[in-house]
């Protein structure tokens, strides 16, 4: 019995050693790739290292940094492709940038906007059907503004007990955006202090970190301005934009789909309940709600039509 246990222990030790060697080798290869400026390759190696040794904090930190670097590289390529009017290539690069850094709202919004542009170009090449034309108009009318700061990445660090308003003002100056404050938020921030490490993050991520941690959120007013308010149901009901969008149905029954969507979207505590109206004559759904909610309803309609 003792010999059998000893043999099992030796086998486990060998397996663990092999796993550790594989993780260490992949980690070194990731470091080499980062030094050569090959962020995509570095991400692949670091992922192997984390998979082999998921409890190693150094591996996880290196993977996160490599993903941010890869996101920036793809963002830069996407912008160049977009300037050259190569929209398909730009969309692919923006999509990769968003996948590497999910907090990059600009990249995600660019993917959506470019998809609309590409679809519009393809439809312009052939006579669109009346249904397709109506759908395209409805989607375009519901698109929100996208924040477009003068710089994509900031490099800031603030010590403990720094006034939150001062940090936001410095961030706004560096990124070229203007900030409008809700009155309650402005009063509350007057004596609110915090600390922040915003080195090498996007403007959107910096705003998200600062505001979410301190109980606030923001709304994009234009490409260079935002409104900051307290993150609660009352303020969302006051400030979240409501849009009206018509969904033109090809196959589904408007009344049945209206009932389905209404049941799915009946969420307790929702700040603004969407209005969903079926039009049997035109076989359409007319929806009024906040942009995020309308986007969810659009996906529901597409899946069930």
C-alpha atoms as a PDB file:
ATOM      1  CA  UNK A   1       0.000   0.000   0.000  1.00  0.00           C
ATOM      2  CA  UNK A   2       2.826   2.379   0.931  1.00  0.00           C
ATOM      3  CA  UNK A   3       4.636   1.663  -2.325  1.00  0.00           C
ATOM      4  CA  UNK A   4       1.467   2.358  -4.305  1.00  0.00           C
ATOM      5  CA  UNK A   5       0.941   5.726  -2.546  1.00  0.00           C
ATOM      6  CA  UNK A   6       4.574   6.609  -3.134  1.00  0.00           C
ATOM      7  CA  UNK A   7       4.212   5.835  -6.827  1.00  0.00           C
ATOM      8  CA  UNK A   8       1.062   7.955  -7.084  1.00  0.00           C
ATOM      9  CA  UNK A   9       2.788  10.865  -5.348  1.00  0.00           C
ATOM     10  CA  UNK A  10       5.723  10.621  -7.733  1.00  0.00           C
ATOM     11  CA  UNK A  11       3.382  10.664 -10.736  1.00  0.00           C
ATOM     12  CA  UNK A  12       1.504  13.708  -9.406  1.00  0.00           C
ATOM     13  CA  UNK A  13       4.777  15.490  -8.729  1.00  0.00           C
ATOM     14  CA  UNK A  14       5.940  14.786 -12.275  1.00  0.00           C
ATOM     15  CA  UNK A  15       2.672  16.098 -13.724  1.00  0.00           C
ATOM     16  CA  UNK A  16       2.820  19.271 -11.628  1.00  0.00           C
ATOM     17  CA  UNK A  17       6.454  19.834 -12.577  1.00  0.00           C
ATOM     18  CA  UNK A  18       5.662  19.405 -16.261  1.00  0.00           C
ATOM     19  CA  UNK A  19       2.740  21.821 -15.951  1.00  0.00           C
ATOM     20  CA  UNK A  20       4.929  24.352 -14.149  1.00  0.00           C
ATOM     21  CA  UNK A  21       7.625  24.058 -16.819  1.00  0.00           C
ATOM     22  CA  UNK A  22       5.054  24.584 -19.587  1.00  0.00           C
ATOM     23  CA  UNK A  23       3.651  27.660 -17.834  1.00  0.00           C
ATOM     24  CA  UNK A  24       7.106  29.119 -17.199  1.00  0.00           C
ATOM     25  CA  UNK A  25       8.185  28.511 -20.790  1.00  0.00           C
ATOM     26  CA  UNK A  26       5.037  30.131 -22.167  1.00  0.00           C
ATOM     27  CA  UNK A  27       5.520  33.087 -19.809  1.00  0.00           C
ATOM     28  CA  UNK A  28       9.098  33.615 -21.025  1.00  0.00           C
ATOM     29  CA  UNK A  29       7.954  33.390 -24.626  1.00  0.00           C
ATOM     30  CA  UNK A  30       5.281  35.987 -23.859  1.00  0.00           C
ATOM     31  CA  UNK A  31       7.895  38.319 -22.382  1.00  0.00           C
ATOM     32  CA  UNK A  32      10.076  37.878 -25.467  1.00  0.00           C
ATOM     33  CA  UNK A  33       7.125  38.663 -27.738  1.00  0.00           C
ATOM     34  CA  UNK A  34       6.326  41.831 -25.761  1.00  0.00           C
ATOM     35  CA  UNK A  35       9.933  43.008 -26.084  1.00  0.00           C
ATOM     36  CA  UNK A  36       9.673  42.504 -29.848  1.00  0.00           C
ATOM     37  CA  UNK A  37       6.416  44.465 -29.977  1.00  0.00           C
ATOM     38  CA  UNK A  38       4.348  41.404 -30.874  1.00  0.00           C
ATOM     39  CA  UNK A  39       1.422  41.949 -28.517  1.00  0.00           C
ATOM     40  CA  UNK A  40      -0.925  39.462 -30.215  1.00  0.00           C
ATOM     41  CA  UNK A  41       1.653  36.696 -29.910  1.00  0.00           C
ATOM     42  CA  UNK A  42       2.375  37.698 -26.319  1.00  0.00           C
ATOM     43  CA  UNK A  43      -1.317  37.391 -25.434  1.00  0.00           C
ATOM     44  CA  UNK A  44      -1.381  33.865 -26.878  1.00  0.00           C
ATOM     45  CA  UNK A  45       1.658  32.812 -24.837  1.00  0.00           C
ATOM     46  CA  UNK A  46       0.413  34.438 -21.617  1.00  0.00           C
ATOM     47  CA  UNK A  47      -2.937  32.706 -22.016  1.00  0.00           C
ATOM     48  CA  UNK A  48      -1.151  29.369 -22.126  1.00  0.00           C
ATOM     49  CA  UNK A  49       0.801  30.303 -18.992  1.00  0.00           C
ATOM     50  CA  UNK A  50      -2.385  31.299 -17.139  1.00  0.00           C
ATOM     51  CA  UNK A  51      -4.152  28.150 -18.293  1.00  0.00           C
ATOM     52  CA  UNK A  52      -1.308  25.974 -16.995  1.00  0.00           C
ATOM     53  CA  UNK A  53      -0.926  27.920 -13.735  1.00  0.00           C
ATOM     54  CA  UNK A  54      -4.180  29.851 -13.054  1.00  0.00           C
ATOM     55  CA  UNK A  55      -3.120  30.885  -9.534  1.00  0.00           C
ATOM     56  CA  UNK A  56      -0.010  32.785 -10.639  1.00  0.00           C
ATOM     57  CA  UNK A  57      -0.735  36.507 -10.227  1.00  0.00           C
ATOM     58  CA  UNK A  58       2.268  37.562 -12.359  1.00  0.00           C
ATOM     59  CA  UNK A  59       0.959  35.594 -15.313  1.00  0.00           C
ATOM     60  CA  UNK A  60      -2.480  37.175 -14.996  1.00  0.00           C
ATOM     61  CA  UNK A  61      -1.092  40.720 -14.723  1.00  0.00           C
ATOM     62  CA  UNK A  62       1.152  40.196 -17.749  1.00  0.00           C
ATOM     63  CA  UNK A  63      -1.803  38.848 -19.736  1.00  0.00           C
ATOM     64  CA  UNK A  64      -3.938  41.869 -18.866  1.00  0.00           C
ATOM     65  CA  UNK A  65      -1.180  44.299 -19.860  1.00  0.00           C
ATOM     66  CA  UNK A  66      -0.531  42.467 -23.102  1.00  0.00           C
ATOM     67  CA  UNK A  67      -4.247  42.553 -23.952  1.00  0.00           C
ATOM     68  CA  UNK A  68      -4.351  46.329 -23.379  1.00  0.00           C
ATOM     69  CA  UNK A  69      -1.246  46.757 -25.573  1.00  0.00           C
ATOM     70  CA  UNK A  70      -2.747  44.575 -28.293  1.00  0.00           C
ATOM     71  CA  UNK A  71      -5.973  46.565 -28.101  1.00  0.00           C
ATOM     72  CA  UNK A  72      -4.068  49.813 -28.663  1.00  0.00           C
ATOM     73  CA  UNK A  73      -2.182  48.364 -31.622  1.00  0.00           C
ATOM     74  CA  UNK A  74      -5.371  47.208 -33.315  1.00  0.00           C
ATOM     75  CA  UNK A  75      -7.030  50.537 -32.515  1.00  0.00           C
ATOM     76  CA  UNK A  76      -4.209  52.378 -34.277  1.00  0.00           C
ATOM     77  CA  UNK A  77      -4.440  50.112 -37.315  1.00  0.00           C
ATOM     78  CA  UNK A  78      -8.207  50.497 -37.409  1.00  0.00           C
ATOM     79  CA  UNK A  79      -7.929  54.293 -37.446  1.00  0.00           C
ATOM     80  CA  UNK A  80      -5.465  54.152 -40.360  1.00  0.00           C
ATOM     81  CA  UNK A  81      -7.695  51.793 -42.328  1.00  0.00           C
ATOM     82  CA  UNK A  82     -10.675  54.049 -41.656  1.00  0.00           C
ATOM     83  CA  UNK A  83      -8.745  57.095 -42.897  1.00  0.00           C
ATOM     84  CA  UNK A  84      -7.991  55.146 -46.079  1.00  0.00           C
ATOM     85  CA  UNK A  85     -11.703  54.277 -46.413  1.00  0.00           C
ATOM     86  CA  UNK A  86     -10.964  50.559 -46.011  1.00  0.00           C
ATOM     87  CA  UNK A  87     -14.021  49.980 -43.873  1.00  0.00           C
ATOM     88  CA  UNK A  88     -13.980  46.164 -43.763  1.00  0.00           C
ATOM     89  CA  UNK A  89     -10.383  46.099 -42.556  1.00  0.00           C
ATOM     90  CA  UNK A  90     -11.082  48.917 -40.076  1.00  0.00           C
ATOM     91  CA  UNK A  91     -14.095  47.084 -38.665  1.00  0.00           C
ATOM     92  CA  UNK A  92     -12.036  43.916 -38.147  1.00  0.00           C
ATOM     93  CA  UNK A  93      -9.321  45.847 -36.317  1.00  0.00           C
ATOM     94  CA  UNK A  94     -11.822  47.736 -34.139  1.00  0.00           C
ATOM     95  CA  UNK A  95     -13.487  44.418 -33.286  1.00  0.00           C
ATOM     96  CA  UNK A  96     -10.146  42.954 -32.185  1.00  0.00           C
ATOM     97  CA  UNK A  97      -9.427  46.082 -30.133  1.00  0.00           C
ATOM     98  CA  UNK A  98     -12.781  45.719 -28.375  1.00  0.00           C
ATOM     99  CA  UNK A  99     -12.262  41.987 -27.764  1.00  0.00           C
ATOM    100  CA  UNK A 100      -8.858  42.577 -26.176  1.00  0.00           C
ATOM    101  CA  UNK A 101     -10.160  45.484 -24.063  1.00  0.00           C
ATOM    102  CA  UNK A 102     -13.934  45.183 -23.434  1.00  0.00           C
ATOM    103  CA  UNK A 103     -13.904  48.495 -21.542  1.00  0.00           C
ATOM    104  CA  UNK A 104     -13.039  50.346 -24.767  1.00  0.00           C
ATOM    105  CA  UNK A 105     -16.497  51.695 -25.597  1.00  0.00           C
ATOM    106  CA  UNK A 106     -15.125  53.716 -28.507  1.00  0.00           C
ATOM    107  CA  UNK A 107     -13.902  50.600 -30.326  1.00  0.00           C
ATOM    108  CA  UNK A 108     -17.181  48.767 -29.722  1.00  0.00           C
ATOM    109  CA  UNK A 109     -19.194  51.755 -30.953  1.00  0.00           C
ATOM    110  CA  UNK A 110     -16.961  52.039 -34.013  1.00  0.00           C
ATOM    111  CA  UNK A 111     -17.690  48.409 -34.900  1.00  0.00           C
ATOM    112  CA  UNK A 112     -21.413  49.151 -34.797  1.00  0.00           C
ATOM    113  CA  UNK A 113     -21.080  52.368 -36.801  1.00  0.00           C
ATOM    114  CA  UNK A 114     -18.871  50.757 -39.444  1.00  0.00           C
ATOM    115  CA  UNK A 115     -21.255  47.840 -39.787  1.00  0.00           C
ATOM    116  CA  UNK A 116     -24.004  50.334 -40.534  1.00  0.00           C
ATOM    117  CA  UNK A 117     -21.809  52.135 -43.075  1.00  0.00           C
ATOM    118  CA  UNK A 118     -20.771  48.890 -44.775  1.00  0.00           C
ATOM    119  CA  UNK A 119     -24.370  47.676 -44.865  1.00  0.00           C
ATOM    120  CA  UNK A 120     -25.468  51.014 -46.314  1.00  0.00           C
ATOM    121  CA  UNK A 121     -22.824  50.807 -49.041  1.00  0.00           C
ATOM    122  CA  UNK A 122     -23.812  47.269 -49.926  1.00  0.00           C
ATOM    123  CA  UNK A 123     -27.471  48.201 -50.043  1.00  0.00           C
ATOM    124  CA  UNK A 124     -26.681  51.285 -52.145  1.00  0.00           C
ATOM    125  CA  UNK A 125     -25.158  49.000 -54.763  1.00  0.00           C
ATOM    126  CA  UNK A 126     -28.545  47.407 -55.350  1.00  0.00           C
ATOM    127  CA  UNK A 127     -32.055  48.808 -55.208  1.00  0.00           C
ATOM    128  CA  UNK A 128     -33.161  48.290 -51.589  1.00  0.00           C
ATOM    129  CA  UNK A 129     -36.510  46.754 -50.825  1.00  0.00           C
ATOM    130  CA  UNK A 130     -39.004  49.030 -49.067  1.00  0.00           C
ATOM    131  CA  UNK A 131     -38.697  46.914 -45.905  1.00  0.00           C
ATOM    132  CA  UNK A 132     -34.886  47.157 -45.832  1.00  0.00           C
ATOM    133  CA  UNK A 133     -34.995  50.910 -46.352  1.00  0.00           C
ATOM    134  CA  UNK A 134     -37.414  51.398 -43.454  1.00  0.00           C
ATOM    135  CA  UNK A 135     -35.290  49.236 -41.155  1.00  0.00           C
ATOM    136  CA  UNK A 136     -32.113  51.118 -42.000  1.00  0.00           C
ATOM    137  CA  UNK A 137     -33.788  54.451 -41.285  1.00  0.00           C
ATOM    138  CA  UNK A 138     -35.083  53.201 -37.945  1.00  0.00           C
ATOM    139  CA  UNK A 139     -31.638  51.949 -36.869  1.00  0.00           C
ATOM    140  CA  UNK A 140     -29.877  55.140 -37.928  1.00  0.00           C
ATOM    141  CA  UNK A 141     -32.343  57.324 -36.029  1.00  0.00           C
ATOM    142  CA  UNK A 142     -31.641  55.454 -32.773  1.00  0.00           C
ATOM    143  CA  UNK A 143     -27.832  55.684 -32.790  1.00  0.00           C
ATOM    144  CA  UNK A 144     -26.359  57.437 -29.716  1.00  0.00           C
ATOM    145  CA  UNK A 145     -23.483  59.948 -29.818  1.00  0.00           C
ATOM    146  CA  UNK A 146     -19.990  58.496 -29.371  1.00  0.00           C
ATOM    147  CA  UNK A 147     -17.339  60.068 -27.145  1.00  0.00           C
ATOM    148  CA  UNK A 148     -14.288  61.012 -29.220  1.00  0.00           C
ATOM    149  CA  UNK A 149     -11.538  62.446 -26.955  1.00  0.00           C
ATOM    150  CA  UNK A 150      -8.396  64.023 -28.414  1.00  0.00           C
ATOM    151  CA  UNK A 151      -6.335  61.206 -26.877  1.00  0.00           C
ATOM    152  CA  UNK A 152      -7.332  57.564 -26.521  1.00  0.00           C
ATOM    153  CA  UNK A 153      -5.034  56.667 -23.608  1.00  0.00           C
ATOM    154  CA  UNK A 154      -4.165  58.615 -20.444  1.00  0.00           C
ATOM    155  CA  UNK A 155      -1.273  58.196 -18.030  1.00  0.00           C
ATOM    156  CA  UNK A 156      -2.276  59.659 -14.666  1.00  0.00           C
ATOM    157  CA  UNK A 157      -1.801  58.764 -11.020  1.00  0.00           C
ATOM    158  CA  UNK A 158      -3.271  60.543  -8.002  1.00  0.00           C
ATOM    159  CA  UNK A 159      -2.382  60.021  -4.367  1.00  0.00           C
ATOM    160  CA  UNK A 160      -4.860  59.230  -1.601  1.00  0.00           C
ATOM    161  CA  UNK A 161      -7.238  62.016  -0.505  1.00  0.00           C
ATOM    162  CA  UNK A 162      -7.276  63.827  -3.843  1.00  0.00           C
ATOM    163  CA  UNK A 163     -10.555  65.633  -4.521  1.00  0.00           C
ATOM    164  CA  UNK A 164     -12.644  63.703  -7.053  1.00  0.00           C
ATOM    165  CA  UNK A 165     -13.661  66.858  -8.905  1.00  0.00           C
ATOM    166  CA  UNK A 166      -9.998  67.834  -9.293  1.00  0.00           C
ATOM    167  CA  UNK A 167      -9.133  64.425 -10.758  1.00  0.00           C
ATOM    168  CA  UNK A 168     -12.004  64.637 -13.236  1.00  0.00           C
ATOM    169  CA  UNK A 169     -11.002  68.183 -14.221  1.00  0.00           C
ATOM    170  CA  UNK A 170      -7.426  67.077 -14.889  1.00  0.00           C
ATOM    171  CA  UNK A 171      -8.669  64.101 -16.914  1.00  0.00           C
ATOM    172  CA  UNK A 172     -10.973  66.373 -18.919  1.00  0.00           C
ATOM    173  CA  UNK A 173      -8.133  68.809 -19.686  1.00  0.00           C
ATOM    174  CA  UNK A 174      -5.836  66.032 -20.881  1.00  0.00           C
ATOM    175  CA  UNK A 175      -8.462  64.280 -23.005  1.00  0.00           C
ATOM    176  CA  UNK A 176     -10.057  67.424 -24.446  1.00  0.00           C
ATOM    177  CA  UNK A 177     -13.565  66.755 -23.179  1.00  0.00           C
ATOM    178  CA  UNK A 178     -15.907  68.970 -21.178  1.00  0.00           C
ATOM    179  CA  UNK A 179     -17.840  67.779 -18.136  1.00  0.00           C
ATOM    180  CA  UNK A 180     -21.288  68.886 -17.019  1.00  0.00           C
ATOM    181  CA  UNK A 181     -22.322  67.918 -13.497  1.00  0.00           C
ATOM    182  CA  UNK A 182     -25.758  67.153 -12.146  1.00  0.00           C
ATOM    183  CA  UNK A 183     -26.425  69.527  -9.237  1.00  0.00           C
ATOM    184  CA  UNK A 184     -26.623  66.755  -6.633  1.00  0.00           C
ATOM    185  CA  UNK A 185     -23.443  65.153  -7.951  1.00  0.00           C
ATOM    186  CA  UNK A 186     -21.651  68.496  -7.944  1.00  0.00           C
ATOM    187  CA  UNK A 187     -22.603  69.129  -4.314  1.00  0.00           C
ATOM    188  CA  UNK A 188     -21.651  65.621  -3.207  1.00  0.00           C
ATOM    189  CA  UNK A 189     -18.272  65.742  -4.940  1.00  0.00           C
ATOM    190  CA  UNK A 190     -17.305  68.955  -3.179  1.00  0.00           C
ATOM    191  CA  UNK A 191     -15.949  67.059  -0.170  1.00  0.00           C
ATOM    192  CA  UNK A 192     -15.349  63.652  -1.760  1.00  0.00           C
ATOM    193  CA  UNK A 193     -11.736  62.462  -1.889  1.00  0.00           C
ATOM    194  CA  UNK A 194     -10.279  59.365  -3.524  1.00  0.00           C
ATOM    195  CA  UNK A 195      -7.140  57.951  -5.115  1.00  0.00           C
ATOM    196  CA  UNK A 196      -6.621  56.738  -8.670  1.00  0.00           C
ATOM    197  CA  UNK A 197      -4.051  54.887 -10.751  1.00  0.00           C
ATOM    198  CA  UNK A 198      -4.957  55.660 -14.363  1.00  0.00           C
ATOM    199  CA  UNK A 199      -1.718  54.793 -16.073  1.00  0.00           C
ATOM    200  CA  UNK A 200      -2.073  53.396 -19.582  1.00  0.00           C
ATOM    201  CA  UNK A 201      -5.870  53.178 -19.680  1.00  0.00           C
ATOM    202  CA  UNK A 202      -8.380  54.570 -22.145  1.00  0.00           C
ATOM    203  CA  UNK A 203     -10.374  57.691 -21.355  1.00  0.00           C
ATOM    204  CA  UNK A 204     -13.566  55.609 -21.124  1.00  0.00           C
ATOM    205  CA  UNK A 205     -11.928  53.149 -18.736  1.00  0.00           C
ATOM    206  CA  UNK A 206     -10.564  56.003 -16.606  1.00  0.00           C
ATOM    207  CA  UNK A 207     -14.049  57.516 -16.349  1.00  0.00           C
ATOM    208  CA  UNK A 208     -15.569  54.137 -15.560  1.00  0.00           C
ATOM    209  CA  UNK A 209     -13.055  53.422 -12.796  1.00  0.00           C
ATOM    210  CA  UNK A 210     -13.398  56.836 -11.178  1.00  0.00           C
ATOM    211  CA  UNK A 211     -17.162  57.090 -11.362  1.00  0.00           C
ATOM    212  CA  UNK A 212     -18.247  53.503 -10.707  1.00  0.00           C
ATOM    213  CA  UNK A 213     -16.016  53.200  -7.646  1.00  0.00           C
ATOM    214  CA  UNK A 214     -17.439  56.420  -6.209  1.00  0.00           C
ATOM    215  CA  UNK A 215     -21.111  55.803  -7.033  1.00  0.00           C
ATOM    216  CA  UNK A 216     -21.519  57.883 -10.217  1.00  0.00           C
ATOM    217  CA  UNK A 217     -22.018  57.298 -13.919  1.00  0.00           C
ATOM    218  CA  UNK A 218     -21.983  59.426 -17.058  1.00  0.00           C
ATOM    219  CA  UNK A 219     -23.967  60.107 -20.183  1.00  0.00           C
ATOM    220  CA  UNK A 220     -22.368  61.091 -23.504  1.00  0.00           C
ATOM    221  CA  UNK A 221     -23.844  64.399 -24.661  1.00  0.00           C
ATOM    222  CA  UNK A 222     -21.666  64.840 -27.758  1.00  0.00           C
ATOM    223  CA  UNK A 223     -18.338  63.635 -29.118  1.00  0.00           C
ATOM    224  CA  UNK A 224     -16.508  65.913 -26.655  1.00  0.00           C
ATOM    225  CA  UNK A 225     -18.834  66.326 -23.664  1.00  0.00           C
ATOM    226  CA  UNK A 226     -20.390  64.196 -20.921  1.00  0.00           C
ATOM    227  CA  UNK A 227     -22.870  64.607 -18.069  1.00  0.00           C
ATOM    228  CA  UNK A 228     -21.979  63.084 -14.691  1.00  0.00           C
ATOM    229  CA  UNK A 229     -24.725  62.069 -12.266  1.00  0.00           C
ATOM    230  CA  UNK A 230     -25.285  59.727  -9.342  1.00  0.00           C
ATOM    231  CA  UNK A 231     -25.783  56.085 -10.332  1.00  0.00           C
ATOM    232  CA  UNK A 232     -29.266  55.410  -8.960  1.00  0.00           C
ATOM    233  CA  UNK A 233     -32.721  54.711 -10.382  1.00  0.00           C
ATOM    234  CA  UNK A 234     -33.981  58.245  -9.791  1.00  0.00           C
ATOM    235  CA  UNK A 235     -31.160  59.857 -11.757  1.00  0.00           C
ATOM    236  CA  UNK A 236     -31.302  57.273 -14.537  1.00  0.00           C
ATOM    237  CA  UNK A 237     -35.004  57.987 -14.917  1.00  0.00           C
ATOM    238  CA  UNK A 238     -34.144  61.683 -15.178  1.00  0.00           C
ATOM    239  CA  UNK A 239     -31.198  61.531 -17.561  1.00  0.00           C
ATOM    240  CA  UNK A 240     -31.276  58.333 -19.619  1.00  0.00           C
ATOM    241  CA  UNK A 241     -32.278  59.242 -23.169  1.00  0.00           C
ATOM    242  CA  UNK A 242     -35.431  57.704 -24.503  1.00  0.00           C
ATOM    243  CA  UNK A 243     -35.698  56.883 -28.174  1.00  0.00           C
ATOM    244  CA  UNK A 244     -38.603  55.749 -30.318  1.00  0.00           C
ATOM    245  CA  UNK A 245     -37.884  53.023 -32.836  1.00  0.00           C
ATOM    246  CA  UNK A 246     -40.144  51.154 -35.222  1.00  0.00           C
ATOM    247  CA  UNK A 247     -39.371  47.496 -35.919  1.00  0.00           C
ATOM    248  CA  UNK A 248     -40.670  46.247 -39.253  1.00  0.00           C
ATOM    249  CA  UNK A 249     -41.531  42.546 -39.036  1.00  0.00           C
ATOM    250  CA  UNK A 250     -41.178  40.100 -41.903  1.00  0.00           C
ATOM    251  CA  UNK A 251     -42.591  36.902 -40.397  1.00  0.00           C
ATOM    252  CA  UNK A 252     -43.606  37.270 -36.752  1.00  0.00           C
ATOM    253  CA  UNK A 253     -47.051  38.395 -35.645  1.00  0.00           C
ATOM    254  CA  UNK A 254     -46.845  41.887 -34.152  1.00  0.00           C
ATOM    255  CA  UNK A 255     -49.228  41.200 -31.265  1.00  0.00           C
ATOM    256  CA  UNK A 256     -47.588  37.915 -30.245  1.00  0.00           C
ATOM    257  CA  UNK A 257     -44.099  39.388 -30.467  1.00  0.00           C
ATOM    258  CA  UNK A 258     -45.199  42.421 -28.449  1.00  0.00           C
ATOM    259  CA  UNK A 259     -46.410  40.149 -25.657  1.00  0.00           C
ATOM    260  CA  UNK A 260     -43.194  38.135 -25.728  1.00  0.00           C
ATOM    261  CA  UNK A 261     -40.931  41.179 -25.576  1.00  0.00           C
ATOM    262  CA  UNK A 262     -43.025  42.778 -22.829  1.00  0.00           C
ATOM    263  CA  UNK A 263     -42.761  39.661 -20.654  1.00  0.00           C
ATOM    264  CA  UNK A 264     -38.986  39.425 -21.140  1.00  0.00           C
ATOM    265  CA  UNK A 265     -38.405  43.120 -20.431  1.00  0.00           C
ATOM    266  CA  UNK A 266     -40.541  43.171 -17.271  1.00  0.00           C
ATOM    267  CA  UNK A 267     -37.562  43.575 -14.898  1.00  0.00           C
ATOM    268  CA  UNK A 268     -38.119  44.595 -11.240  1.00  0.00           C
ATOM    269  CA  UNK A 269     -36.475  47.870 -10.331  1.00  0.00           C
ATOM    270  CA  UNK A 270     -36.012  49.085 -13.924  1.00  0.00           C
ATOM    271  CA  UNK A 271     -35.743  52.877 -13.860  1.00  0.00           C
ATOM    272  CA  UNK A 272     -37.623  53.454 -17.136  1.00  0.00           C
ATOM    273  CA  UNK A 273     -40.134  50.814 -18.276  1.00  0.00           C
ATOM    274  CA  UNK A 274     -40.185  50.559 -22.089  1.00  0.00           C
ATOM    275  CA  UNK A 275     -43.412  51.158 -23.985  1.00  0.00           C
ATOM    276  CA  UNK A 276     -44.121  48.492 -26.623  1.00  0.00           C
ATOM    277  CA  UNK A 277     -47.027  48.958 -29.022  1.00  0.00           C
ATOM    278  CA  UNK A 278     -48.054  46.463 -31.715  1.00  0.00           C
ATOM    279  CA  UNK A 279     -49.399  47.697 -35.037  1.00  0.00           C
ATOM    280  CA  UNK A 280     -51.232  44.817 -36.704  1.00  0.00           C
ATOM    281  CA  UNK A 281     -52.046  46.786 -39.861  1.00  0.00           C
ATOM    282  CA  UNK A 282     -48.410  47.490 -40.694  1.00  0.00           C
ATOM    283  CA  UNK A 283     -47.103  44.430 -38.804  1.00  0.00           C
ATOM    284  CA  UNK A 284     -44.677  46.578 -36.820  1.00  0.00           C
ATOM    285  CA  UNK A 285     -43.620  47.147 -33.232  1.00  0.00           C
ATOM    286  CA  UNK A 286     -43.228  50.688 -31.973  1.00  0.00           C
ATOM    287  CA  UNK A 287     -40.901  50.856 -28.969  1.00  0.00           C
ATOM    288  CA  UNK A 288     -40.036  53.767 -26.697  1.00  0.00           C
ATOM    289  CA  UNK A 289     -37.341  53.336 -24.047  1.00  0.00           C
ATOM    290  CA  UNK A 290     -33.760  54.065 -23.121  1.00  0.00           C
ATOM    291  CA  UNK A 291     -31.131  53.287 -25.750  1.00  0.00           C
ATOM    292  CA  UNK A 292     -29.668  50.240 -23.954  1.00  0.00           C
ATOM    293  CA  UNK A 293     -33.138  48.765 -23.477  1.00  0.00           C
ATOM    294  CA  UNK A 294     -34.125  49.422 -27.108  1.00  0.00           C
ATOM    295  CA  UNK A 295     -30.907  47.717 -28.247  1.00  0.00           C
ATOM    296  CA  UNK A 296     -31.849  44.627 -26.205  1.00  0.00           C
ATOM    297  CA  UNK A 297     -35.346  44.667 -27.706  1.00  0.00           C
ATOM    298  CA  UNK A 298     -33.831  44.940 -31.189  1.00  0.00           C
ATOM    299  CA  UNK A 299     -31.897  41.723 -30.583  1.00  0.00           C
ATOM    300  CA  UNK A 300     -35.029  40.004 -29.254  1.00  0.00           C
ATOM    301  CA  UNK A 301     -36.986  41.050 -32.325  1.00  0.00           C
ATOM    302  CA  UNK A 302     -34.234  39.837 -34.676  1.00  0.00           C
ATOM    303  CA  UNK A 303     -34.083  36.459 -32.929  1.00  0.00           C
ATOM    304  CA  UNK A 304     -37.853  35.914 -33.063  1.00  0.00           C
ATOM    305  CA  UNK A 305     -38.718  37.399 -36.457  1.00  0.00           C
END
